[in-house]
Amino acid sequence: MEDPFVQGIELIEQLGQREEFYRSQGQSVKADALKRYISLKEMQLGMRKGIPEKVGGVSPNEMPPEMGAVGASPDSVRAAMGVSPPGLSRRPQTAQERSQRGIVSPAGETLIP
């Protein structure tokens, strides 16, 4: 019982009981905060892995090495994460803008005739 690991487990059990008490009393804000603290303590003791941050398709931690920050194109990283390429949120060009055959800004100004 003098071992810090065993004491940590005892603390987690007691905090879990306190969390259940808060939930039964309808104090969900306190219970949620306590649950996050319990998760943090479990990670410190090695009882739990961190919560993966998943943006889209694949978590950055789960990507293969060739998809990492070094050597991968930004488009392939975006595709693996399920993020659309930039520029898709632009408004479509009108028929008049297309007929001008120039480069038109998203605001409708002709940049290069």
PDB file of N, CA and C in Angstrom:
ATOM      1  N   MET A   1       0.814  -1.203   0.000  1.00  0.00           N
ATOM      2  CA  MET A   1       0.000   0.000   0.000  1.00  0.00           C
ATOM      3  C   MET A   1       0.855   1.263   0.000  1.00  0.00           C
ATOM      4  N   GLU A   2       2.150   1.131   0.248  1.00  0.00           N
ATOM      5  CA  GLU A   2       3.035   2.294   0.253  1.00  0.00           C
ATOM      6  C   GLU A   2       3.505   2.658  -1.155  1.00  0.00           C
ATOM      7  N   ASP A   3       3.296   1.778  -2.101  1.00  0.00           N
ATOM      8  CA  ASP A   3       3.738   2.001  -3.468  1.00  0.00           C
ATOM      9  C   ASP A   3       2.934   3.150  -4.097  1.00  0.00           C
ATOM     10  N   PRO A   4       3.613   4.137  -4.733  1.00  0.00           N
ATOM     11  CA  PRO A   4       2.902   5.261  -5.350  1.00  0.00           C
ATOM     12  C   PRO A   4       1.936   4.825  -6.462  1.00  0.00           C
ATOM     13  N   PHE A   5       2.271   3.733  -7.168  1.00  0.00           N
ATOM     14  CA  PHE A   5       1.383   3.242  -8.217  1.00  0.00           C
ATOM     15  C   PHE A   5       0.072   2.753  -7.620  1.00  0.00           C
ATOM     16  N   VAL A   6       0.164   1.980  -6.529  1.00  0.00           N
ATOM     17  CA  VAL A   6      -1.039   1.468  -5.867  1.00  0.00           C
ATOM     18  C   VAL A   6      -1.852   2.628  -5.295  1.00  0.00           C
ATOM     19  N   GLN A   7      -1.172   3.613  -4.741  1.00  0.00           N
ATOM     20  CA  GLN A   7      -1.878   4.775  -4.207  1.00  0.00           C
ATOM     21  C   GLN A   7      -2.589   5.538  -5.328  1.00  0.00           C
ATOM     22  N   GLY A   8      -1.947   5.598  -6.499  1.00  0.00           N
ATOM     23  CA  GLY A   8      -2.580   6.253  -7.642  1.00  0.00           C
ATOM     24  C   GLY A   8      -3.834   5.527  -8.085  1.00  0.00           C
ATOM     25  N   ILE A   9      -3.778   4.187  -8.077  1.00  0.00           N
ATOM     26  CA  ILE A   9      -4.964   3.405  -8.444  1.00  0.00           C
ATOM     27  C   ILE A   9      -6.086   3.631  -7.431  1.00  0.00           C
ATOM     28  N   GLU A  10      -5.737   3.659  -6.160  1.00  0.00           N
ATOM     29  CA  GLU A  10      -6.739   3.921  -5.114  1.00  0.00           C
ATOM     30  C   GLU A  10      -7.371   5.304  -5.319  1.00  0.00           C
ATOM     31  N   LEU A  11      -6.535   6.282  -5.644  1.00  0.00           N
ATOM     32  CA  LEU A  11      -7.041   7.635  -5.874  1.00  0.00           C
ATOM     33  C   LEU A  11      -8.010   7.652  -7.058  1.00  0.00           C
ATOM     34  N   ILE A  12      -7.659   6.958  -8.139  1.00  0.00           N
ATOM     35  CA  ILE A  12      -8.528   6.903  -9.314  1.00  0.00           C
ATOM     36  C   ILE A  12      -9.863   6.263  -8.970  1.00  0.00           C
ATOM     37  N   GLU A  13      -9.843   5.196  -8.159  1.00  0.00           N
ATOM     38  CA  GLU A  13     -11.089   4.549  -7.753  1.00  0.00           C
ATOM     39  C   GLU A  13     -11.963   5.492  -6.935  1.00  0.00           C
ATOM     40  N   GLN A  14     -11.360   6.227  -6.020  1.00  0.00           N
ATOM     41  CA  GLN A  14     -12.120   7.169  -5.201  1.00  0.00           C
ATOM     42  C   GLN A  14     -12.674   8.317  -6.044  1.00  0.00           C
ATOM     43  N   LEU A  15     -11.870   8.792  -6.987  1.00  0.00           N
ATOM     44  CA  LEU A  15     -12.355   9.849  -7.868  1.00  0.00           C
ATOM     45  C   LEU A  15     -13.496   9.351  -8.755  1.00  0.00           C
ATOM     46  N   GLY A  16     -13.439   8.096  -9.157  1.00  0.00           N
ATOM     47  CA  GLY A  16     -14.528   7.505  -9.941  1.00  0.00           C
ATOM     48  C   GLY A  16     -15.822   7.456  -9.148  1.00  0.00           C
ATOM     49  N   GLN A  17     -15.716   7.116  -7.861  1.00  0.00           N
ATOM     50  CA  GLN A  17     -16.911   7.117  -7.010  1.00  0.00           C
ATOM     51  C   GLN A  17     -17.466   8.534  -6.856  1.00  0.00           C
ATOM     52  N   ARG A  18     -16.572   9.520  -6.746  1.00  0.00           N
ATOM     53  CA  ARG A  18     -17.012  10.914  -6.620  1.00  0.00           C
ATOM     54  C   ARG A  18     -17.688  11.373  -7.916  1.00  0.00           C
ATOM     55  N   GLU A  19     -17.153  10.928  -9.043  1.00  0.00           N
ATOM     56  CA  GLU A  19     -17.766  11.280 -10.327  1.00  0.00           C
ATOM     57  C   GLU A  19     -19.186  10.719 -10.415  1.00  0.00           C
ATOM     58  N   GLU A  20     -19.359   9.463 -10.019  1.00  0.00           N
ATOM     59  CA  GLU A  20     -20.698   8.858 -10.024  1.00  0.00           C
ATOM     60  C   GLU A  20     -21.645   9.612  -9.092  1.00  0.00           C
ATOM     61  N   PHE A  21     -21.142  10.057  -7.942  1.00  0.00           N
ATOM     62  CA  PHE A  21     -21.956  10.821  -7.005  1.00  0.00           C
ATOM     63  C   PHE A  21     -22.422  12.133  -7.644  1.00  0.00           C
ATOM     64  N   TYR A  22     -21.483  12.841  -8.295  1.00  0.00           N
ATOM     65  CA  TYR A  22     -21.851  14.095  -8.956  1.00  0.00           C
ATOM     66  C   TYR A  22     -22.893  13.862 -10.046  1.00  0.00           C
ATOM     67  N   ARG A  23     -22.746  12.776 -10.807  1.00  0.00           N
ATOM     68  CA  ARG A  23     -23.722  12.483 -11.861  1.00  0.00           C
ATOM     69  C   ARG A  23     -25.090  12.180 -11.265  1.00  0.00           C
ATOM     70  N   SER A  24     -25.113  11.445 -10.169  1.00  0.00           N
ATOM     71  CA  SER A  24     -26.406  11.126  -9.537  1.00  0.00           C
ATOM     72  C   SER A  24     -27.073  12.366  -8.955  1.00  0.00           C
ATOM     73  N   GLN A  25     -26.286  13.375  -8.585  1.00  0.00           N
ATOM     74  CA  GLN A  25     -26.824  14.620  -8.049  1.00  0.00           C
ATOM     75  C   GLN A  25     -27.174  15.626  -9.153  1.00  0.00           C
ATOM     76  N   GLY A  26     -26.904  15.269 -10.398  1.00  0.00           N
ATOM     77  CA  GLY A  26     -27.221  16.153 -11.515  1.00  0.00           C
ATOM     78  C   GLY A  26     -26.184  17.226 -11.755  1.00  0.00           C
ATOM     79  N   GLN A  27     -25.001  17.070 -11.200  1.00  0.00           N
ATOM     80  CA  GLN A  27     -23.926  18.057 -11.385  1.00  0.00           C
ATOM     81  C   GLN A  27     -22.995  17.562 -12.496  1.00  0.00           C
ATOM     82  N   SER A  28     -23.506  17.627 -13.721  1.00  0.00           N
ATOM     83  CA  SER A  28     -22.762  17.046 -14.842  1.00  0.00           C
ATOM     84  C   SER A  28     -21.490  17.824 -15.180  1.00  0.00           C
ATOM     85  N   VAL A  29     -21.456  19.127 -14.923  1.00  0.00           N
ATOM     86  CA  VAL A  29     -20.251  19.911 -15.217  1.00  0.00           C
ATOM     87  C   VAL A  29     -19.095  19.436 -14.337  1.00  0.00           C
ATOM     88  N   LYS A  30     -19.368  19.263 -13.049  1.00  0.00           N
ATOM     89  CA  LYS A  30     -18.321  18.766 -12.145  1.00  0.00           C
ATOM     90  C   LYS A  30     -17.927  17.344 -12.508  1.00  0.00           C
ATOM     91  N   ALA A  31     -18.916  16.528 -12.861  1.00  0.00           N
ATOM     92  CA  ALA A  31     -18.637  15.132 -13.200  1.00  0.00           C
ATOM     93  C   ALA A  31     -17.780  15.036 -14.463  1.00  0.00           C
ATOM     94  N   ASP A  32     -18.079  15.866 -15.457  1.00  0.00           N
ATOM     95  CA  ASP A  32     -17.287  15.842 -16.689  1.00  0.00           C
ATOM     96  C   ASP A  32     -15.858  16.308 -16.434  1.00  0.00           C
ATOM     97  N   ALA A  33     -15.704  17.344 -15.620  1.00  0.00           N
ATOM     98  CA  ALA A  33     -14.363  17.832 -15.289  1.00  0.00           C
ATOM     99  C   ALA A  33     -13.579  16.756 -14.541  1.00  0.00           C
ATOM    100  N   LEU A  34     -14.239  16.078 -13.633  1.00  0.00           N
ATOM    101  CA  LEU A  34     -13.582  15.017 -12.868  1.00  0.00           C
ATOM    102  C   LEU A  34     -13.219  13.840 -13.774  1.00  0.00           C
ATOM    103  N   LYS A  35     -14.071  13.541 -14.745  1.00  0.00           N
ATOM    104  CA  LYS A  35     -13.782  12.451 -15.681  1.00  0.00           C
ATOM    105  C   LYS A  35     -12.531  12.758 -16.494  1.00  0.00           C
ATOM    106  N   ARG A  36     -12.381  14.020 -16.948  1.00  0.00           N
ATOM    107  CA  ARG A  36     -11.172  14.405 -17.681  1.00  0.00           C
ATOM    108  C   ARG A  36      -9.942  14.288 -16.785  1.00  0.00           C
ATOM    109  N   TYR A  37     -10.075  14.667 -15.526  1.00  0.00           N
ATOM    110  CA  TYR A  37      -8.952  14.567 -14.591  1.00  0.00           C
ATOM    111  C   TYR A  37      -8.585  13.098 -14.346  1.00  0.00           C
ATOM    112  N   ILE A  38      -9.585  12.242 -14.242  1.00  0.00           N
ATOM    113  CA  ILE A  38      -9.329  10.804 -14.050  1.00  0.00           C
ATOM    114  C   ILE A  38      -8.585  10.249 -15.263  1.00  0.00           C
ATOM    115  N   SER A  39      -9.000  10.646 -16.457  1.00  0.00           N
ATOM    116  CA  SER A  39      -8.312  10.187 -17.670  1.00  0.00           C
ATOM    117  C   SER A  39      -6.856  10.634 -17.676  1.00  0.00           C
ATOM    118  N   LEU A  40      -6.616  11.864 -17.249  1.00  0.00           N
ATOM    119  CA  LEU A  40      -5.260  12.373 -17.167  1.00  0.00           C
ATOM    120  C   LEU A  40      -4.421  11.549 -16.182  1.00  0.00           C
ATOM    121  N   LYS A  41      -4.986  11.252 -15.027  1.00  0.00           N
ATOM    122  CA  LYS A  41      -4.277  10.442 -14.018  1.00  0.00           C
ATOM    123  C   LYS A  41      -3.999   9.036 -14.549  1.00  0.00           C
ATOM    124  N   GLU A  42      -4.973   8.448 -15.276  1.00  0.00           N
ATOM    125  CA  GLU A  42      -4.770   7.114 -15.839  1.00  0.00           C
ATOM    126  C   GLU A  42      -3.651   7.122 -16.872  1.00  0.00           C
ATOM    127  N   MET A  43      -3.567   8.187 -17.658  1.00  0.00           N
ATOM    128  CA  MET A  43      -2.475   8.284 -18.628  1.00  0.00           C
ATOM    129  C   MET A  43      -1.133   8.428 -17.924  1.00  0.00           C
ATOM    130  N   GLN A  44      -1.098   9.187 -16.825  1.00  0.00           N
ATOM    131  CA  GLN A  44       0.148   9.359 -16.085  1.00  0.00           C
ATOM    132  C   GLN A  44       0.625   8.043 -15.487  1.00  0.00           C
ATOM    133  N   LEU A  45      -0.317   7.204 -15.066  1.00  0.00           N
ATOM    134  CA  LEU A  45       0.050   5.912 -14.481  1.00  0.00           C
ATOM    135  C   LEU A  45       0.314   4.845 -15.546  1.00  0.00           C
ATOM    136  N   GLY A  46       0.001   5.150 -16.799  1.00  0.00           N
ATOM    137  CA  GLY A  46       0.209   4.181 -17.869  1.00  0.00           C
ATOM    138  C   GLY A  46      -0.940   3.215 -18.020  1.00  0.00           C
ATOM    139  N   MET A  47      -2.073   3.537 -17.436  1.00  0.00           N
ATOM    140  CA  MET A  47      -3.235   2.658 -17.529  1.00  0.00           C
ATOM    141  C   MET A  47      -4.064   2.936 -18.781  1.00  0.00           C
ATOM    142  N   ARG A  48      -3.826   4.067 -19.426  1.00  0.00           N
ATOM    143  CA  ARG A  48      -4.630   4.465 -20.570  1.00  0.00           C
ATOM    144  C   ARG A  48      -3.733   5.198 -21.554  1.00  0.00           C
ATOM    145  N   LYS A  49      -4.049   5.033 -22.841  1.00  0.00           N
ATOM    146  CA  LYS A  49      -3.349   5.796 -23.868  1.00  0.00           C
ATOM    147  C   LYS A  49      -4.066   7.121 -24.043  1.00  0.00           C
ATOM    148  N   GLY A  50      -3.373   8.064 -24.654  1.00  0.00           N
ATOM    149  CA  GLY A  50      -3.979   9.359 -24.921  1.00  0.00           C
ATOM    150  C   GLY A  50      -5.122   9.243 -25.905  1.00  0.00           C
ATOM    151  N   ILE A  51      -6.001  10.198 -25.888  1.00  0.00           N
ATOM    152  CA  ILE A  51      -7.133  10.212 -26.800  1.00  0.00           C
ATOM    153  C   ILE A  51      -6.629  10.677 -28.157  1.00  0.00           C
ATOM    154  N   PRO A  52      -6.799   9.872 -29.207  1.00  0.00           N
ATOM    155  CA  PRO A  52      -6.291  10.285 -30.519  1.00  0.00           C
ATOM    156  C   PRO A  52      -7.089  11.460 -31.062  1.00  0.00           C
ATOM    157  N   GLU A  53      -6.362  12.391 -31.671  1.00  0.00           N
ATOM    158  CA  GLU A  53      -7.017  13.537 -32.282  1.00  0.00           C
ATOM    159  C   GLU A  53      -7.243  13.202 -33.748  1.00  0.00           C
ATOM    160  N   LYS A  54      -8.482  12.957 -34.082  1.00  0.00           N
ATOM    161  CA  LYS A  54      -8.811  12.551 -35.443  1.00  0.00           C
ATOM    162  C   LYS A  54      -9.508  13.707 -36.143  1.00  0.00           C
ATOM    163  N   VAL A  55      -8.863  14.249 -37.143  1.00  0.00           N
ATOM    164  CA  VAL A  55      -9.415  15.389 -37.853  1.00  0.00           C
ATOM    165  C   VAL A  55     -10.413  14.939 -38.893  1.00  0.00           C
ATOM    166  N   GLY A  56     -10.025  14.009 -39.714  1.00  0.00           N
ATOM    167  CA  GLY A  56     -10.891  13.567 -40.799  1.00  0.00           C
ATOM    168  C   GLY A  56     -10.779  12.071 -40.980  1.00  0.00           C
ATOM    169  N   GLY A  57     -10.146  11.652 -42.070  1.00  0.00           N
ATOM    170  CA  GLY A  57     -10.049  10.244 -42.386  1.00  0.00           C
ATOM    171  C   GLY A  57      -9.098   9.481 -41.490  1.00  0.00           C
ATOM    172  N   VAL A  58      -7.876   9.974 -41.341  1.00  0.00           N
ATOM    173  CA  VAL A  58      -6.843   9.264 -40.582  1.00  0.00           C
ATOM    174  C   VAL A  58      -6.228  10.237 -39.588  1.00  0.00           C
ATOM    175  N   SER A  59      -5.987   9.760 -38.389  1.00  0.00           N
ATOM    176  CA  SER A  59      -5.323  10.583 -37.393  1.00  0.00           C
ATOM    177  C   SER A  59      -3.881  10.821 -37.825  1.00  0.00           C
ATOM    178  N   PRO A  60      -3.324  12.025 -37.575  1.00  0.00           N
ATOM    179  CA  PRO A  60      -1.919  12.266 -37.941  1.00  0.00           C
ATOM    180  C   PRO A  60      -0.957  11.282 -37.290  1.00  0.00           C
ATOM    181  N   ASN A  61      -1.309  10.742 -36.129  1.00  0.00           N
ATOM    182  CA  ASN A  61      -0.454   9.763 -35.458  1.00  0.00           C
ATOM    183  C   ASN A  61      -0.474   8.410 -36.156  1.00  0.00           C
ATOM    184  N   GLU A  62      -1.549   8.116 -36.910  1.00  0.00           N
ATOM    185  CA  GLU A  62      -1.698   6.815 -37.551  1.00  0.00           C
ATOM    186  C   GLU A  62      -1.217   6.807 -39.004  1.00  0.00           C
ATOM    187  N   MET A  63      -0.799   7.965 -39.513  1.00  0.00           N
ATOM    188  CA  MET A  63      -0.363   8.041 -40.904  1.00  0.00           C
ATOM    189  C   MET A  63       0.958   7.306 -41.090  1.00  0.00           C
ATOM    190  N   PRO A  64       1.163   6.707 -42.252  1.00  0.00           N
ATOM    191  CA  PRO A  64       2.457   6.077 -42.520  1.00  0.00           C
ATOM    192  C   PRO A  64       3.547   7.133 -42.613  1.00  0.00           C
ATOM    193  N   PRO A  65       4.804   6.741 -42.438  1.00  0.00           N
ATOM    194  CA  PRO A  65       5.901   7.716 -42.429  1.00  0.00           C
ATOM    195  C   PRO A  65       5.983   8.571 -43.691  1.00  0.00           C
ATOM    196  N   GLU A  66       5.672   7.977 -44.849  1.00  0.00           N
ATOM    197  CA  GLU A  66       5.767   8.757 -46.090  1.00  0.00           C
ATOM    198  C   GLU A  66       4.706   9.849 -46.167  1.00  0.00           C
ATOM    199  N   MET A  67       3.706   9.797 -45.297  1.00  0.00           N
ATOM    200  CA  MET A  67       2.669  10.822 -45.257  1.00  0.00           C
ATOM    201  C   MET A  67       2.964  11.877 -44.204  1.00  0.00           C
ATOM    202  N   GLY A  68       4.093  11.765 -43.531  1.00  0.00           N
ATOM    203  CA  GLY A  68       4.441  12.709 -42.476  1.00  0.00           C
ATOM    204  C   GLY A  68       4.774  14.080 -43.022  1.00  0.00           C
ATOM    205  N   ALA A  69       5.220  14.936 -42.152  1.00  0.00           N
ATOM    206  CA  ALA A  69       5.498  16.325 -42.520  1.00  0.00           C
ATOM    207  C   ALA A  69       6.641  16.431 -43.527  1.00  0.00           C
ATOM    208  N   VAL A  70       7.571  15.492 -43.498  1.00  0.00           N
ATOM    209  CA  VAL A  70       8.724  15.552 -44.398  1.00  0.00           C
ATOM    210  C   VAL A  70       8.454  14.657 -45.604  1.00  0.00           C
ATOM    211  N   GLY A  71       8.499  15.222 -46.783  1.00  0.00           N
ATOM    212  CA  GLY A  71       8.415  14.426 -47.990  1.00  0.00           C
ATOM    213  C   GLY A  71       7.028  14.223 -48.545  1.00  0.00           C
ATOM    214  N   ALA A  72       5.996  14.618 -47.872  1.00  0.00           N
ATOM    215  CA  ALA A  72       4.648  14.425 -48.384  1.00  0.00           C
ATOM    216  C   ALA A  72       4.126  15.732 -48.954  1.00  0.00           C
ATOM    217  N   SER A  73       3.363  15.606 -50.009  1.00  0.00           N
ATOM    218  CA  SER A  73       2.776  16.813 -50.580  1.00  0.00           C
ATOM    219  C   SER A  73       1.600  17.247 -49.706  1.00  0.00           C
ATOM    220  N   PRO A  74       1.327  18.531 -49.653  1.00  0.00           N
ATOM    221  CA  PRO A  74       0.201  19.001 -48.833  1.00  0.00           C
ATOM    222  C   PRO A  74      -1.134  18.398 -49.279  1.00  0.00           C
ATOM    223  N   ASP A  75      -1.276  18.159 -50.602  1.00  0.00           N
ATOM    224  CA  ASP A  75      -2.525  17.585 -51.095  1.00  0.00           C
ATOM    225  C   ASP A  75      -2.735  16.165 -50.590  1.00  0.00           C
ATOM    226  N   SER A  76      -1.657  15.354 -50.554  1.00  0.00           N
ATOM    227  CA  SER A  76      -1.815  13.979 -50.085  1.00  0.00           C
ATOM    228  C   SER A  76      -2.104  13.935 -48.589  1.00  0.00           C
ATOM    229  N   VAL A  77      -1.509  14.846 -47.822  1.00  0.00           N
ATOM    230  CA  VAL A  77      -1.791  14.888 -46.381  1.00  0.00           C
ATOM    231  C   VAL A  77      -3.232  15.304 -46.154  1.00  0.00           C
ATOM    232  N   ARG A  78      -3.704  16.321 -46.902  1.00  0.00           N
ATOM    233  CA  ARG A  78      -5.101  16.746 -46.769  1.00  0.00           C
ATOM    234  C   ARG A  78      -6.049  15.613 -47.137  1.00  0.00           C
ATOM    235  N   ALA A  79      -5.728  14.882 -48.200  1.00  0.00           N
ATOM    236  CA  ALA A  79      -6.592  13.793 -48.637  1.00  0.00           C
ATOM    237  C   ALA A  79      -6.663  12.695 -47.586  1.00  0.00           C
ATOM    238  N   ALA A  80      -5.545  12.377 -46.965  1.00  0.00           N
ATOM    239  CA  ALA A  80      -5.536  11.334 -45.938  1.00  0.00           C
ATOM    240  C   ALA A  80      -6.336  11.752 -44.711  1.00  0.00           C
ATOM    241  N   MET A  81      -6.344  13.052 -44.430  1.00  0.00           N
ATOM    242  CA  MET A  81      -7.077  13.542 -43.264  1.00  0.00           C
ATOM    243  C   MET A  81      -8.539  13.830 -43.583  1.00  0.00           C
ATOM    244  N   GLY A  82      -8.924  13.708 -44.848  1.00  0.00           N
ATOM    245  CA  GLY A  82     -10.314  13.943 -45.222  1.00  0.00           C
ATOM    246  C   GLY A  82     -10.665  15.412 -45.363  1.00  0.00           C
ATOM    247  N   VAL A  83      -9.664  16.258 -45.615  1.00  0.00           N
ATOM    248  CA  VAL A  83      -9.886  17.689 -45.759  1.00  0.00           C
ATOM    249  C   VAL A  83      -9.866  18.023 -47.247  1.00  0.00           C
ATOM    250  N   SER A  84     -10.834  18.796 -47.701  1.00  0.00           N
ATOM    251  CA  SER A  84     -10.895  19.133 -49.120  1.00  0.00           C
ATOM    252  C   SER A  84      -9.763  20.086 -49.485  1.00  0.00           C
ATOM    253  N   PRO A  85      -9.356  20.070 -50.749  1.00  0.00           N
ATOM    254  CA  PRO A  85      -8.276  20.960 -51.170  1.00  0.00           C
ATOM    255  C   PRO A  85      -8.710  22.416 -51.094  1.00  0.00           C
ATOM    256  N   PRO A  86      -7.759  23.325 -50.965  1.00  0.00           N
ATOM    257  CA  PRO A  86      -8.132  24.729 -50.889  1.00  0.00           C
ATOM    258  C   PRO A  86      -8.684  25.206 -52.230  1.00  0.00           C
ATOM    259  N   GLY A  87      -9.552  26.173 -52.173  1.00  0.00           N
ATOM    260  CA  GLY A  87     -10.093  26.743 -53.393  1.00  0.00           C
ATOM    261  C   GLY A  87     -11.457  26.230 -53.761  1.00  0.00           C
ATOM    262  N   LEU A  88     -11.934  25.168 -53.138  1.00  0.00           N
ATOM    263  CA  LEU A  88     -13.251  24.651 -53.486  1.00  0.00           C
ATOM    264  C   LEU A  88     -14.374  25.527 -52.944  1.00  0.00           C
ATOM    265  N   SER A  89     -14.031  26.429 -52.030  1.00  0.00           N
ATOM    266  CA  SER A  89     -15.062  27.283 -51.468  1.00  0.00           C
ATOM    267  C   SER A  89     -15.246  28.556 -52.286  1.00  0.00           C
ATOM    268  N   ARG A  90     -14.500  28.682 -53.404  1.00  0.00           N
ATOM    269  CA  ARG A  90     -14.664  29.860 -54.254  1.00  0.00           C
ATOM    270  C   ARG A  90     -15.998  29.787 -54.975  1.00  0.00           C
ATOM    271  N   ARG A  91     -16.513  30.960 -55.298  1.00  0.00           N
ATOM    272  CA  ARG A  91     -17.764  30.989 -56.047  1.00  0.00           C
ATOM    273  C   ARG A  91     -17.472  30.605 -57.490  1.00  0.00           C
ATOM    274  N   PRO A  92     -18.426  29.979 -58.180  1.00  0.00           N
ATOM    275  CA  PRO A  92     -18.198  29.621 -59.580  1.00  0.00           C
ATOM    276  C   PRO A  92     -18.178  30.871 -60.452  1.00  0.00           C
ATOM    277  N   GLN A  93     -17.418  30.814 -61.532  1.00  0.00           N
ATOM    278  CA  GLN A  93     -17.347  31.941 -62.451  1.00  0.00           C
ATOM    279  C   GLN A  93     -18.622  32.020 -63.290  1.00  0.00           C
ATOM    280  N   THR A  94     -18.979  33.225 -63.643  1.00  0.00           N
ATOM    281  CA  THR A  94     -20.133  33.425 -64.512  1.00  0.00           C
ATOM    282  C   THR A  94     -19.722  33.157 -65.954  1.00  0.00           C
ATOM    283  N   ALA A  95     -20.710  33.079 -66.843  1.00  0.00           N
ATOM    284  CA  ALA A  95     -20.425  32.839 -68.259  1.00  0.00           C
ATOM    285  C   ALA A  95     -19.591  33.980 -68.832  1.00  0.00           C
ATOM    286  N   GLN A  96     -19.868  35.194 -68.398  1.00  0.00           N
ATOM    287  CA  GLN A  96     -19.110  36.341 -68.893  1.00  0.00           C
ATOM    288  C   GLN A  96     -17.651  36.252 -68.439  1.00  0.00           C
ATOM    289  N   GLU A  97     -17.417  35.856 -67.219  1.00  0.00           N
ATOM    290  CA  GLU A  97     -16.053  35.723 -66.715  1.00  0.00           C
ATOM    291  C   GLU A  97     -15.299  34.621 -67.451  1.00  0.00           C
ATOM    292  N   ARG A  98     -16.000  33.524 -67.755  1.00  0.00           N
ATOM    293  CA  ARG A  98     -15.346  32.441 -68.493  1.00  0.00           C
ATOM    294  C   ARG A  98     -15.010  32.857 -69.916  1.00  0.00           C
ATOM    295  N   SER A  99     -15.860  33.681 -70.517  1.00  0.00           N
ATOM    296  CA  SER A  99     -15.623  34.096 -71.898  1.00  0.00           C
ATOM    297  C   SER A  99     -14.444  35.065 -71.999  1.00  0.00           C
ATOM    298  N   GLN A 100     -14.116  35.733 -70.919  1.00  0.00           N
ATOM    299  CA  GLN A 100     -13.000  36.672 -70.948  1.00  0.00           C
ATOM    300  C   GLN A 100     -11.655  35.949 -71.024  1.00  0.00           C
ATOM    301  N   ARG A 101     -11.627  34.685 -70.631  1.00  0.00           N
ATOM    302  CA  ARG A 101     -10.436  33.833 -70.657  1.00  0.00           C
ATOM    303  C   ARG A 101      -9.280  34.434 -69.873  1.00  0.00           C
ATOM    304  N   GLY A 102      -9.547  35.233 -68.915  1.00  0.00           N
ATOM    305  CA  GLY A 102      -8.515  35.792 -68.056  1.00  0.00           C
ATOM    306  C   GLY A 102      -8.613  35.164 -66.676  1.00  0.00           C
ATOM    307  N   ILE A 103      -7.732  35.564 -65.817  1.00  0.00           N
ATOM    308  CA  ILE A 103      -7.776  35.085 -64.440  1.00  0.00           C
ATOM    309  C   ILE A 103      -8.613  36.069 -63.645  1.00  0.00           C
ATOM    310  N   VAL A 104      -9.652  35.549 -63.028  1.00  0.00           N
ATOM    311  CA  VAL A 104     -10.601  36.376 -62.298  1.00  0.00           C
ATOM    312  C   VAL A 104     -10.499  36.046 -60.824  1.00  0.00           C
ATOM    313  N   SER A 105     -10.470  37.076 -59.991  1.00  0.00           N
ATOM    314  CA  SER A 105     -10.386  36.871 -58.545  1.00  0.00           C
ATOM    315  C   SER A 105     -11.731  36.394 -58.016  1.00  0.00           C
ATOM    316  N   PRO A 106     -11.761  35.826 -56.794  1.00  0.00           N
ATOM    317  CA  PRO A 106     -13.044  35.411 -56.217  1.00  0.00           C
ATOM    318  C   PRO A 106     -14.034  36.565 -56.073  1.00  0.00           C
ATOM    319  N   ALA A 107     -13.525  37.795 -55.999  1.00  0.00           N
ATOM    320  CA  ALA A 107     -14.414  38.941 -55.878  1.00  0.00           C
ATOM    321  C   ALA A 107     -14.971  39.378 -57.218  1.00  0.00           C
ATOM    322  N   GLY A 108     -14.492  38.803 -58.341  1.00  0.00           N
ATOM    323  CA  GLY A 108     -15.009  39.122 -59.660  1.00  0.00           C
ATOM    324  C   GLY A 108     -14.146  40.091 -60.442  1.00  0.00           C
ATOM    325  N   GLU A 109     -13.004  40.488 -59.915  1.00  0.00           N
ATOM    326  CA  GLU A 109     -12.112  41.420 -60.596  1.00  0.00           C
ATOM    327  C   GLU A 109     -11.198  40.645 -61.545  1.00  0.00           C
ATOM    328  N   THR A 110     -10.984  41.173 -62.731  1.00  0.00           N
ATOM    329  CA  THR A 110     -10.081  40.532 -63.679  1.00  0.00           C
ATOM    330  C   THR A 110      -8.648  40.859 -63.279  1.00  0.00           C
ATOM    331  N   LEU A 111      -7.892  39.821 -62.960  1.00  0.00           N
ATOM    332  CA  LEU A 111      -6.524  40.023 -62.528  1.00  0.00           C
ATOM    333  C   LEU A 111      -5.559  40.035 -63.706  1.00  0.00           C
ATOM    334  N   ILE A 112      -5.695  39.065 -64.589  1.00  0.00           N
ATOM    335  CA  ILE A 112      -4.842  38.985 -65.776  1.00  0.00           C
ATOM    336  C   ILE A 112      -5.778  38.797 -66.966  1.00  0.00           C
ATOM    337  N   PRO A 113      -5.779  39.745 -67.903  1.00  0.00           N
ATOM    338  CA  PRO A 113      -6.686  39.623 -69.059  1.00  0.00           C
ATOM    339  C   PRO A 113      -6.251  38.548 -70.028  1.00  0.00           C
TER     340      PRO A 113
END
